[in-house]
Each structure stands twice: as C-alpha cells, then as structure tokens.
Amino acid sequence: MHDVIVIGGGPGGLETSRLLAGGGLDVSLYEEHASSGDPVHCTGVLAVEAFDEMGLPRDVILNPLRTARFFAPSGATVEYTTAEIEAVVIDRLALDRRLFGAARAAGATITLGRRVTDVTVERDGVTVTLNDGTTARGRSAVLACGAQYAIQRRLGLGLPAVLLQSAQMELPAGRLGDVEVRFGRQVAPGGFAWAVPVTRGSGPHARVGLMCDRQAAHYFRRLVGDIAPRWGLESHTGGGQLLNPRQKVLPLAPIARTYGARVLAVGDAAGLVKATTGGGIYYSLLSAALASEVLARALRADRLHASALQPYEAAWKARLGPELNAQLRLRQLAHRLSDADINAFFDLARTDGVMPIVRKTARFNQHRDLILSLLRHPPARRVLLRRLGSGAAPSSAALSTAGPLEPLP
C-alpha cells in the first residue's frame, strides 16, 4: 500500500509528489495523458517573484511583460506599464517537464497514460480505480486532477461556486505587440479576452484566449479574426480552416471543502484559481506546499481522519482567503456590468484618477489592495455597483474580511 496516491500530473500534483516523496514517503502519481505537460491548457504567465518563492527554474522563461493595453467595448483603450518587470511568459511544457523530473528524482513513482475514474475512501485506506478497471491502494489520496469534479462530488467535497468556459491557442505571429486585454459582451460575455506576445526560437507567437460564460470556441474564432491584422495572424483566418482552440472549464471559486478523511484537493481541483484572471499556476504550487506539509504530518502520526487534515484548508484560507474573497466579489460585480458600464469605467480610467490608484496598488499576484482602493474611489464605486442598486453590494469594509465565498446568483 502506498502512503499517497496523487491524481493528476500538472504543477500541483507534481509539486505535491516531489515534496512528499522527498520526505521519505511512498508516493504514486497517475496522469491520464501520455506525457507530462501536454496538452498545454494555460496562458503561462507568472509573477517574477514566484520563481524565488517556489524555487522554480528560470530557464523556462521565454520573455518579460511590462505593458498591457486594455480595450473597452467602445474601442477606447487604456495602457498600463509597470515600473519594473513583474510578470513573464513561460514555456509551460518545459516547466511541467522540469517538475516531472524533480518529482521522479525525489522518489515518486509516476505512471503516465492512466486515468483515475474513482476514489473510494475506506476505514484503513483509499482505493483508486483506473480506466482499465484495475485498482491501486493508498493510505491517502491527493486530488490534483485539474478542473474535473466528478470525484470531488462523489466524495462530498462539492463543486466550485463559479465556473466559466475558456478557449485558447498559441499561434505563429507576423509581429509582436504588447499584451492586449479586451472586454465586452460581443468579445467575451461574462469575462474577457487576451493576446500575449511570446518569443520563441522558432519565431514570434501570440497566445490568444478568452474566458466567458458560453460558446467559448465561437468567441475565440471571432477574436482571432479581429486581432489578426495587427498581430499578423492572417494565415489562421482564411482558407475555410476552422480553428480548434484548447477548451476547458475554468473554476473561479473554491470547492465547498478541500479536505476529507484521507483526501486533500489542490490547485484547480480545489477551485484555487484567481477569480480575476483565471490564473492558477502559482496557487497550484502554493496549495501543493501547504497540503504536503499537513499530509506528511498526518501520515507520520497515522491520523488521517477529516479533522486531522482540516489544517490544510485553514492554512490556505489564512494565506489566500482575503485575496480570493476580494477577487470573487469583483468578479461578481463585473459579471453584471453592461457594455455601457464598462465604457464608463474606461472613461474614468482616462479622466478621473483611476490610473494613479492602479499604479499605486496593482500587483500581479495580489489584487485585493487594488480592488479595495477602487471601491473606496466614489466614481469607480458608482460604476461598479450601479447594477446592484443602493446598498445591495458588498462594501469595501465587507471585502476586507475573509468570510464565506458566495456564488453568482
């Protein structure tokens, strides 16, 4: 019987495996795909500070990012440039393969091309069922299976309170621009769209994608057509060839409970994702570190009941709770905005003191200070709360607490 069975070979699962196996535990990881990191589902933008904090290899960095141009539904734009480089584009496939090598070197057993279909918790362990009908036994299990929630639901851990669709591709580009972020009901209803410049040895590329509440592939193809002339993507918009972006469900709020008897969930599998941007790499690695610490202690004490694993959820809430709550509240407000409201907010950004707030409080990995500052700015607050009516929206004081996360109605 293994000490730990890890389900999923993305950053969260690989980092969990490395940390637990490095501590002398018997770790077995199952990944449904035939190779680690493929297919790539994320935009691959990371904060510079994450490399030192998480001990990540810097040779996976492709290029820095400093300037972003934001597009309103009206076509008005606002540009923002950071004083220093805060974010970089990474080679996500290379990162996953480096994490894979580190987990295996630490002693984890990794099995590729095997999908876990079920987890059963028993008095003396867990039984994991694989897609070929075989089973494996462990003292505990870590769910790192990404945005797939059938197992969580069967185990009584619940589902994320907010889910959107996403679609994206990396495309060869004729020329590179700054990061573009686009808003509007005709661009990405309920979300936003982006294009990120990528510098590779094979030439310039653009990572194009969006998050929205419906028809992600349809809006993705429209987006590529709209930005093609400026980025040199014409070869992808003609000839009748249909673009097939990578699509997935995107959680924007944690599942109801990220722990149970003998089971923990990390990263996307726990719904630990930035509600503002959908970014998940940093939260996956951080939750993996917190989960590994709690689970290693519980395994050594042979105390694996739910209350012994609850400190994991307490730990991530202490570290991320206020940030996640603020992000989700802003997502709830933004989801209600009409295109006219978004245009009005852009007008404020150009004329009424919003950009000084952004320059003072915006940080790539921490959004709470910016959100609170915007809600304290009367003109911005009026726009953001317009659709809720007087007194119906959370105040900046309410946002400063780490209360329960609420779903969109």
Protein backbone atom coordinates (compact mmCIF):
# COMPACT_ATOMS: atom_id res chain seq x y z
CA MET A 1 0.00 0.00 0.00
CA HIS A 2 1.33 3.43 -0.97
CA ASP A 3 1.44 6.26 1.52
CA VAL A 4 -0.06 8.70 -1.01
CA ILE A 5 -1.72 8.35 -4.39
CA VAL A 6 -1.65 11.62 -6.34
CA ILE A 7 -4.22 12.03 -9.11
CA GLY A 8 -3.01 14.34 -11.85
CA GLY A 9 0.40 15.32 -13.18
CA GLY A 10 0.11 19.09 -13.53
CA PRO A 11 2.13 21.54 -11.41
CA GLY A 12 0.07 20.92 -8.27
CA GLY A 13 0.28 17.13 -8.47
CA LEU A 14 3.95 17.06 -9.41
CA GLU A 15 4.96 19.50 -6.68
CA THR A 16 2.94 17.58 -4.08
CA SER A 17 4.64 14.36 -5.20
CA ARG A 18 8.11 15.91 -5.05
CA LEU A 19 7.64 17.29 -1.56
CA LEU A 20 6.10 14.14 -0.08
CA ALA A 21 8.49 11.71 -1.78
CA GLY A 22 11.42 13.91 -0.80
CA GLY A 23 10.30 13.48 2.80
CA GLY A 24 10.65 9.72 2.52
CA LEU A 25 7.01 8.82 1.81
CA ASP A 26 5.89 6.26 -0.78
CA VAL A 27 4.17 8.34 -3.46
CA SER A 28 2.47 7.07 -6.62
CA LEU A 29 1.16 9.58 -9.18
CA TYR A 30 -1.24 8.78 -12.04
CA GLU A 31 -1.50 11.12 -15.04
CA GLU A 32 -4.12 10.48 -17.72
CA HIS A 33 -2.08 11.88 -20.62
CA ALA A 34 0.81 10.11 -22.30
CA SER A 35 3.34 12.83 -21.41
CA SER A 36 3.70 15.42 -18.71
CA GLY A 37 2.52 18.93 -19.54
CA ASP A 38 0.87 18.02 -22.83
CA PRO A 39 -1.62 19.29 -23.84
CA VAL A 40 -0.94 22.80 -22.50
CA HIS A 41 -4.12 24.45 -21.20
CA CYS A 42 -2.92 27.73 -19.69
CA THR A 43 -1.57 31.06 -20.89
CA GLY A 44 1.62 30.55 -18.90
CA VAL A 45 2.11 33.98 -17.32
CA LEU A 46 3.82 34.00 -13.93
CA ALA A 47 4.90 36.66 -11.46
CA VAL A 48 8.67 37.14 -11.32
CA GLU A 49 8.57 36.81 -7.53
CA ALA A 50 7.17 33.27 -7.82
CA PHE A 51 10.48 31.91 -9.12
CA ASP A 52 12.37 32.66 -5.92
CA GLU A 53 9.43 31.89 -3.63
CA MET A 54 8.74 28.49 -5.23
CA GLY A 55 12.28 27.64 -6.31
CA LEU A 56 11.28 27.44 -9.98
CA PRO A 57 13.86 27.11 -12.77
CA ARG A 58 14.35 30.39 -14.61
CA ASP A 59 15.34 28.72 -17.86
CA VAL A 60 11.62 28.18 -18.61
CA ILE A 61 11.14 31.96 -19.02
CA LEU A 62 10.52 33.00 -22.62
CA ASN A 63 10.07 36.77 -22.36
CA PRO A 64 9.16 39.52 -19.90
CA LEU A 65 5.90 41.50 -19.90
CA ARG A 66 5.66 45.14 -18.87
CA THR A 67 2.92 46.84 -20.89
CA ALA A 68 -0.74 45.92 -21.27
CA ARG A 69 -3.33 47.68 -23.41
CA PHE A 70 -6.95 47.37 -22.28
CA PHE A 71 -9.79 47.68 -24.82
CA ALA A 72 -13.31 48.81 -23.91
CA PRO A 73 -16.36 47.64 -25.90
CA SER A 74 -16.38 51.10 -27.50
CA GLY A 75 -12.82 50.63 -28.77
CA ALA A 76 -11.37 53.11 -26.28
CA THR A 77 -8.04 51.99 -24.85
CA VAL A 78 -6.08 52.43 -21.65
CA GLU A 79 -2.41 51.49 -21.44
CA TYR A 80 -0.58 50.42 -18.30
CA THR A 81 3.17 49.88 -17.94
CA THR A 82 4.73 48.55 -14.75
CA ALA A 83 7.70 50.38 -13.28
CA GLU A 84 9.60 47.09 -13.15
CA ILE A 85 9.11 43.69 -14.75
CA GLU A 86 6.50 41.93 -12.60
CA ALA A 87 5.40 39.14 -14.95
CA VAL A 88 6.96 36.83 -17.52
CA VAL A 89 5.77 34.38 -20.15
CA ILE A 90 6.94 30.84 -19.51
CA ASP A 91 7.27 27.68 -21.56
CA ARG A 92 4.58 25.76 -19.71
CA LEU A 93 5.52 22.43 -21.30
CA ALA A 94 9.14 22.90 -20.20
CA LEU A 95 8.04 23.84 -16.66
CA ASP A 96 5.87 20.74 -16.28
CA ARG A 97 8.67 18.53 -17.54
CA ARG A 98 11.13 20.06 -15.08
CA LEU A 99 8.63 19.48 -12.26
CA PHE A 100 8.13 15.92 -13.54
CA GLY A 101 11.87 15.27 -13.40
CA ALA A 102 12.14 16.73 -9.91
CA ALA A 103 9.25 14.59 -8.60
CA ARG A 104 10.72 11.43 -10.08
CA ALA A 105 14.21 12.28 -8.78
CA ALA A 106 12.72 12.70 -5.29
CA GLY A 107 11.46 9.14 -5.46
CA ALA A 108 7.85 9.45 -6.66
CA THR A 109 6.54 6.69 -8.93
CA ILE A 110 4.82 8.31 -11.93
CA THR A 111 2.52 6.38 -14.26
CA LEU A 112 1.51 8.12 -17.50
CA GLY A 113 -1.46 7.34 -19.73
CA ARG A 114 -3.64 6.04 -16.89
CA ARG A 115 -6.78 7.93 -15.88
CA VAL A 116 -8.26 7.66 -12.41
CA THR A 117 -12.02 7.25 -12.62
CA ASP A 118 -12.93 6.93 -8.96
CA VAL A 119 -11.64 7.16 -5.41
CA THR A 120 -13.21 5.19 -2.59
CA VAL A 121 -12.38 6.08 1.00
CA GLU A 122 -12.34 3.16 3.42
CA ARG A 123 -11.59 2.76 7.11
CA ASP A 124 -7.98 1.71 6.53
CA GLY A 125 -7.11 3.47 3.26
CA VAL A 126 -8.28 4.60 -0.16
CA THR A 127 -8.88 2.56 -3.30
CA VAL A 128 -8.23 4.28 -6.63
CA THR A 129 -9.93 2.83 -9.73
CA LEU A 130 -8.20 3.28 -13.09
CA ASN A 131 -9.73 3.46 -16.55
CA ASP A 132 -8.72 -0.12 -17.38
CA GLY A 133 -10.59 -1.44 -14.34
CA THR A 134 -7.51 -2.08 -12.20
CA THR A 135 -7.13 -0.54 -8.76
CA ALA A 136 -4.40 0.84 -6.53
CA ARG A 137 -4.38 1.22 -2.76
CA GLY A 138 -3.02 4.02 -0.63
CA ARG A 139 -3.23 5.36 2.87
CA SER A 140 -4.31 8.72 1.42
CA ALA A 141 -5.04 10.50 -1.88
CA VAL A 142 -4.40 13.97 -3.26
CA LEU A 143 -6.75 15.26 -5.96
CA ALA A 144 -4.71 17.30 -8.45
CA CYS A 145 -6.82 16.42 -11.47
CA GLY A 146 -7.48 19.95 -12.68
CA ALA A 147 -10.97 21.26 -13.37
CA GLN A 148 -12.68 17.87 -13.22
CA TYR A 149 -15.04 17.49 -10.30
CA ALA A 150 -16.82 14.13 -10.54
CA ILE A 151 -14.63 12.59 -7.84
CA GLN A 152 -14.93 15.62 -5.56
CA ARG A 153 -18.71 15.48 -5.87
CA ARG A 154 -18.85 11.76 -5.07
CA LEU A 155 -16.66 12.32 -2.02
CA GLY A 156 -18.92 15.10 -0.75
CA LEU A 157 -16.38 17.88 -1.32
CA GLY A 158 -18.70 19.84 -3.62
CA LEU A 159 -18.17 21.91 -6.75
CA PRO A 160 -16.77 25.40 -7.39
CA ALA A 161 -19.43 28.04 -6.86
CA VAL A 162 -18.44 29.84 -10.09
CA LEU A 163 -17.43 28.22 -13.38
CA LEU A 164 -16.68 29.79 -16.76
CA GLN A 165 -15.53 28.40 -20.09
CA SER A 166 -12.12 29.11 -21.59
CA ALA A 167 -10.57 28.65 -25.02
CA GLN A 168 -7.03 29.45 -26.15
CA MET A 169 -4.24 28.65 -28.60
CA GLU A 170 -0.67 29.70 -29.28
CA LEU A 171 -0.40 30.87 -32.89
CA PRO A 172 2.59 31.90 -35.03
CA ALA A 173 2.52 35.68 -35.44
CA GLY A 174 3.91 38.00 -38.06
CA ARG A 175 4.72 40.63 -35.45
CA LEU A 176 4.56 41.09 -31.68
CA GLY A 177 2.67 43.69 -29.72
CA ASP A 178 2.04 44.41 -26.08
CA VAL A 179 -0.38 42.35 -24.02
CA GLU A 180 -3.97 43.06 -25.07
CA VAL A 181 -6.97 42.61 -22.79
CA ARG A 182 -10.45 43.05 -24.30
CA PHE A 183 -13.84 43.42 -22.67
CA GLY A 184 -17.43 43.41 -23.90
CA ARG A 185 -20.47 41.23 -24.39
CA GLN A 186 -19.58 40.76 -28.05
CA VAL A 187 -15.99 39.82 -27.20
CA ALA A 188 -16.25 37.53 -24.18
CA PRO A 189 -19.64 37.63 -22.41
CA GLY A 190 -19.19 37.49 -18.66
CA GLY A 191 -15.39 37.52 -18.93
CA PHE A 192 -12.60 38.98 -21.06
CA ALA A 193 -10.19 38.09 -23.87
CA TRP A 194 -6.43 38.39 -24.23
CA ALA A 195 -3.45 38.19 -26.54
CA VAL A 196 0.03 37.72 -25.05
CA PRO A 197 3.30 38.07 -27.01
CA VAL A 198 5.60 35.05 -26.94
CA THR A 199 9.21 34.99 -28.09
CA ARG A 200 10.44 31.57 -29.20
CA GLY A 201 13.45 30.39 -31.16
CA SER A 202 11.08 29.40 -33.96
CA GLY A 203 9.82 32.98 -34.25
CA PRO A 204 7.18 35.25 -32.72
CA HIS A 205 3.95 33.78 -31.43
CA ALA A 206 0.79 35.04 -29.76
CA ARG A 207 -1.12 33.24 -27.03
CA VAL A 208 -4.71 34.14 -27.74
CA GLY A 209 -7.56 33.21 -25.44
CA LEU A 210 -10.65 34.18 -23.53
CA MET A 211 -12.85 33.24 -20.59
CA CYS A 212 -16.61 33.64 -20.95
CA ASP A 213 -19.91 32.16 -19.84
CA ARG A 214 -20.89 30.47 -23.13
CA GLN A 215 -19.75 29.44 -26.63
CA ALA A 216 -16.06 29.86 -25.91
CA ALA A 217 -14.87 28.43 -29.25
CA HIS A 218 -17.19 30.72 -31.21
CA TYR A 219 -15.98 33.86 -29.46
CA PHE A 220 -12.37 32.67 -29.72
CA ARG A 221 -12.57 32.41 -33.53
CA ARG A 222 -14.16 35.84 -33.71
CA LEU A 223 -11.37 37.23 -31.52
CA VAL A 224 -8.63 35.80 -33.74
CA GLY A 225 -10.28 37.34 -36.77
CA ASP A 226 -10.45 40.74 -35.05
CA ILE A 227 -6.81 40.87 -33.95
CA ALA A 228 -5.29 39.07 -36.96
CA PRO A 229 -4.24 42.16 -38.95
CA ARG A 230 -2.37 43.75 -36.06
CA TRP A 231 -0.58 40.57 -34.93
CA GLY A 232 -0.02 39.09 -38.36
CA LEU A 233 -2.33 36.12 -37.85
CA GLU A 234 -3.90 36.28 -41.31
CA SER A 235 -2.86 32.73 -42.18
CA HIS A 236 -5.16 31.47 -39.42
CA THR A 237 -8.29 33.29 -40.51
CA GLY A 238 -8.72 32.30 -44.16
CA GLY A 239 -8.97 29.24 -46.34
CA GLY A 240 -12.02 27.86 -44.56
CA GLN A 241 -9.90 26.12 -41.93
CA LEU A 242 -11.66 26.03 -38.58
CA LEU A 243 -9.51 26.89 -35.58
CA ASN A 244 -9.85 24.38 -32.76
CA PRO A 245 -8.64 26.02 -29.54
CA ARG A 246 -7.97 24.14 -26.32
CA GLN A 247 -11.15 24.40 -24.26
CA LYS A 248 -11.71 23.69 -20.60
CA VAL A 249 -13.90 24.56 -17.67
CA LEU A 250 -12.39 27.31 -15.54
CA PRO A 251 -13.16 27.37 -11.79
CA LEU A 252 -13.26 30.80 -10.21
CA ALA A 253 -14.10 29.84 -6.62
CA PRO A 254 -13.02 27.07 -4.24
CA ILE A 255 -14.99 23.85 -3.87
CA ALA A 256 -17.12 23.60 -0.73
CA ARG A 257 -14.47 21.61 1.16
CA THR A 258 -10.88 20.92 0.10
CA TYR A 259 -10.29 18.10 2.58
CA GLY A 260 -11.96 14.93 3.80
CA ALA A 261 -10.99 11.72 5.50
CA ARG A 262 -7.70 10.61 3.85
CA VAL A 263 -8.18 13.08 0.94
CA LEU A 264 -6.95 16.58 0.04
CA ALA A 265 -7.55 18.64 -3.12
CA VAL A 266 -5.03 21.14 -4.53
CA GLY A 267 -4.90 23.71 -7.33
CA ASP A 268 -7.69 23.74 -9.91
CA ALA A 269 -9.08 20.52 -8.41
CA ALA A 270 -9.74 22.55 -5.25
CA GLY A 271 -11.01 25.56 -7.23
CA LEU A 272 -7.99 27.60 -6.10
CA VAL A 273 -7.68 29.96 -9.06
CA LYS A 274 -7.54 33.74 -9.39
CA ALA A 275 -11.15 34.82 -9.90
CA THR A 276 -9.96 37.99 -11.62
CA THR A 277 -7.78 36.42 -14.32
CA GLY A 278 -8.25 32.66 -14.13
CA GLY A 279 -4.53 32.18 -13.44
CA GLY A 280 -3.77 29.02 -11.50
CA ILE A 281 -0.09 28.03 -11.61
CA TYR A 282 1.00 29.96 -8.52
CA TYR A 283 -2.00 28.85 -6.44
CA SER A 284 -1.42 25.24 -7.53
CA LEU A 285 2.18 25.31 -6.32
CA LEU A 286 1.32 27.12 -3.11
CA SER A 287 -1.56 24.78 -2.24
CA ALA A 288 0.68 21.80 -3.03
CA ALA A 289 3.23 23.04 -0.47
CA LEU A 290 0.56 23.60 2.19
CA ALA A 291 -1.12 20.25 1.52
CA SER A 292 2.17 18.36 1.61
CA GLU A 293 3.09 19.77 5.00
CA VAL A 294 -0.24 18.83 6.58
CA LEU A 295 -0.47 15.40 4.92
CA ALA A 296 3.10 14.41 5.78
CA ARG A 297 2.45 15.22 9.43
CA ALA A 298 -0.83 13.28 9.40
CA LEU A 299 0.74 10.23 7.74
CA ARG A 300 3.57 10.06 10.23
CA ALA A 301 1.09 10.24 13.11
CA ASP A 302 -1.25 7.82 11.32
CA ARG A 303 -4.09 10.25 11.94
CA LEU A 304 -5.88 10.67 8.61
CA HIS A 305 -9.46 11.43 9.63
CA ALA A 306 -11.01 14.62 8.28
CA SER A 307 -10.31 16.72 11.35
CA ALA A 308 -6.59 15.84 11.12
CA LEU A 309 -6.46 17.16 7.55
CA GLN A 310 -8.60 20.26 8.14
CA PRO A 311 -5.49 22.34 8.97
CA TYR A 312 -4.72 22.32 5.23
CA GLU A 313 -7.87 24.28 4.46
CA ALA A 314 -7.21 26.55 7.41
CA ALA A 315 -3.71 27.18 6.06
CA TRP A 316 -4.72 28.13 2.53
CA LYS A 317 -7.57 30.29 3.84
CA ALA A 318 -5.16 32.12 6.13
CA ARG A 319 -2.79 32.69 3.22
CA LEU A 320 -5.24 33.28 0.38
CA GLY A 321 -8.70 33.81 1.89
CA PRO A 322 -8.87 37.63 1.89
CA GLU A 323 -7.36 37.74 -1.61
CA LEU A 324 -9.75 35.14 -3.02
CA ASN A 325 -12.77 36.81 -1.41
CA ALA A 326 -11.91 40.21 -2.85
CA GLN A 327 -11.28 38.74 -6.30
CA LEU A 328 -14.56 36.85 -6.31
CA ARG A 329 -16.53 39.88 -5.16
CA LEU A 330 -15.06 41.88 -8.03
CA ARG A 331 -15.88 39.04 -10.43
CA GLN A 332 -19.49 39.08 -9.15
CA LEU A 333 -19.71 42.81 -9.77
CA ALA A 334 -18.01 42.71 -13.17
CA HIS A 335 -20.29 39.91 -14.35
CA ARG A 336 -23.27 42.25 -14.00
CA LEU A 337 -21.75 45.18 -15.90
CA SER A 338 -23.22 46.12 -19.26
CA ASP A 339 -21.02 47.31 -22.10
CA ALA A 340 -22.13 50.86 -21.27
CA ASP A 341 -20.94 50.37 -17.68
CA ILE A 342 -17.57 49.06 -18.89
CA ASN A 343 -17.22 52.02 -21.24
CA ALA A 344 -17.99 54.35 -18.34
CA PHE A 345 -15.30 52.71 -16.25
CA PHE A 346 -12.77 53.20 -19.06
CA ASP A 347 -13.77 56.87 -19.22
CA LEU A 348 -12.97 57.11 -15.51
CA ALA A 349 -9.62 55.44 -16.07
CA ARG A 350 -8.77 58.08 -18.66
CA THR A 351 -10.05 61.11 -16.76
CA ASP A 352 -10.82 60.68 -13.08
CA GLY A 353 -7.94 59.39 -11.04
CA VAL A 354 -8.30 55.64 -11.54
CA MET A 355 -4.89 55.11 -13.12
CA PRO A 356 -3.00 56.61 -10.16
CA ILE A 357 -4.81 54.06 -7.99
CA VAL A 358 -3.77 51.28 -10.36
CA ARG A 359 -0.14 52.42 -10.41
CA LYS A 360 -0.04 52.61 -6.61
CA THR A 361 -1.83 49.35 -5.70
CA ALA A 362 -1.71 46.91 -8.64
CA ARG A 363 0.45 43.83 -8.13
CA PHE A 364 0.47 40.81 -10.40
CA ASN A 365 -0.12 38.22 -7.67
CA GLN A 366 -2.09 40.39 -5.22
CA HIS A 367 -5.26 42.10 -6.42
CA ARG A 368 -7.05 42.79 -3.14
CA ASP A 369 -5.48 46.20 -2.44
CA LEU A 370 -6.42 47.40 -5.92
CA ILE A 371 -9.99 46.12 -5.58
CA LEU A 372 -10.49 47.74 -2.19
CA SER A 373 -8.99 51.01 -3.43
CA LEU A 374 -11.33 51.10 -6.43
CA LEU A 375 -14.33 50.54 -4.19
CA ARG A 376 -13.22 53.42 -1.99
CA HIS A 377 -12.98 55.72 -5.02
CA PRO A 378 -16.50 57.21 -5.31
CA PRO A 379 -16.76 57.47 -9.13
CA ALA A 380 -15.39 53.94 -9.65
CA ARG A 381 -17.61 52.60 -6.89
CA ARG A 382 -20.72 54.11 -8.51
CA VAL A 383 -19.96 52.37 -11.81
CA LEU A 384 -19.14 49.01 -10.24
CA LEU A 385 -22.21 48.97 -8.01
CA ARG A 386 -24.65 50.54 -10.46
CA ARG A 387 -26.35 47.27 -11.38
CA LEU A 388 -26.95 46.21 -7.79
CA GLY A 389 -28.89 49.20 -6.59
CA SER A 390 -28.22 51.24 -3.49
CA GLY A 391 -26.87 49.22 -0.60
CA ALA A 392 -27.14 45.87 -2.39
CA ALA A 393 -23.45 45.33 -3.00
CA PRO A 394 -20.64 44.47 -0.63
CA SER A 395 -18.79 47.47 0.75
CA SER A 396 -15.04 47.84 0.83
CA ALA A 397 -15.24 47.08 4.56
CA ALA A 398 -17.04 43.81 3.83
CA LEU A 399 -14.46 42.94 1.22
CA SER A 400 -11.68 43.30 3.76
CA THR A 401 -12.91 40.24 5.66
CA ALA A 402 -12.34 36.61 4.77
CA GLY A 403 -15.93 35.46 5.07
CA PRO A 404 -17.53 32.64 3.06
CA LEU A 405 -17.20 32.92 -0.69
CA GLU A 406 -20.58 33.44 -2.37
CA PRO A 407 -21.67 32.11 -5.78
CA LEU A 408 -23.04 34.24 -8.55
CA PRO A 409 -26.84 34.25 -8.48
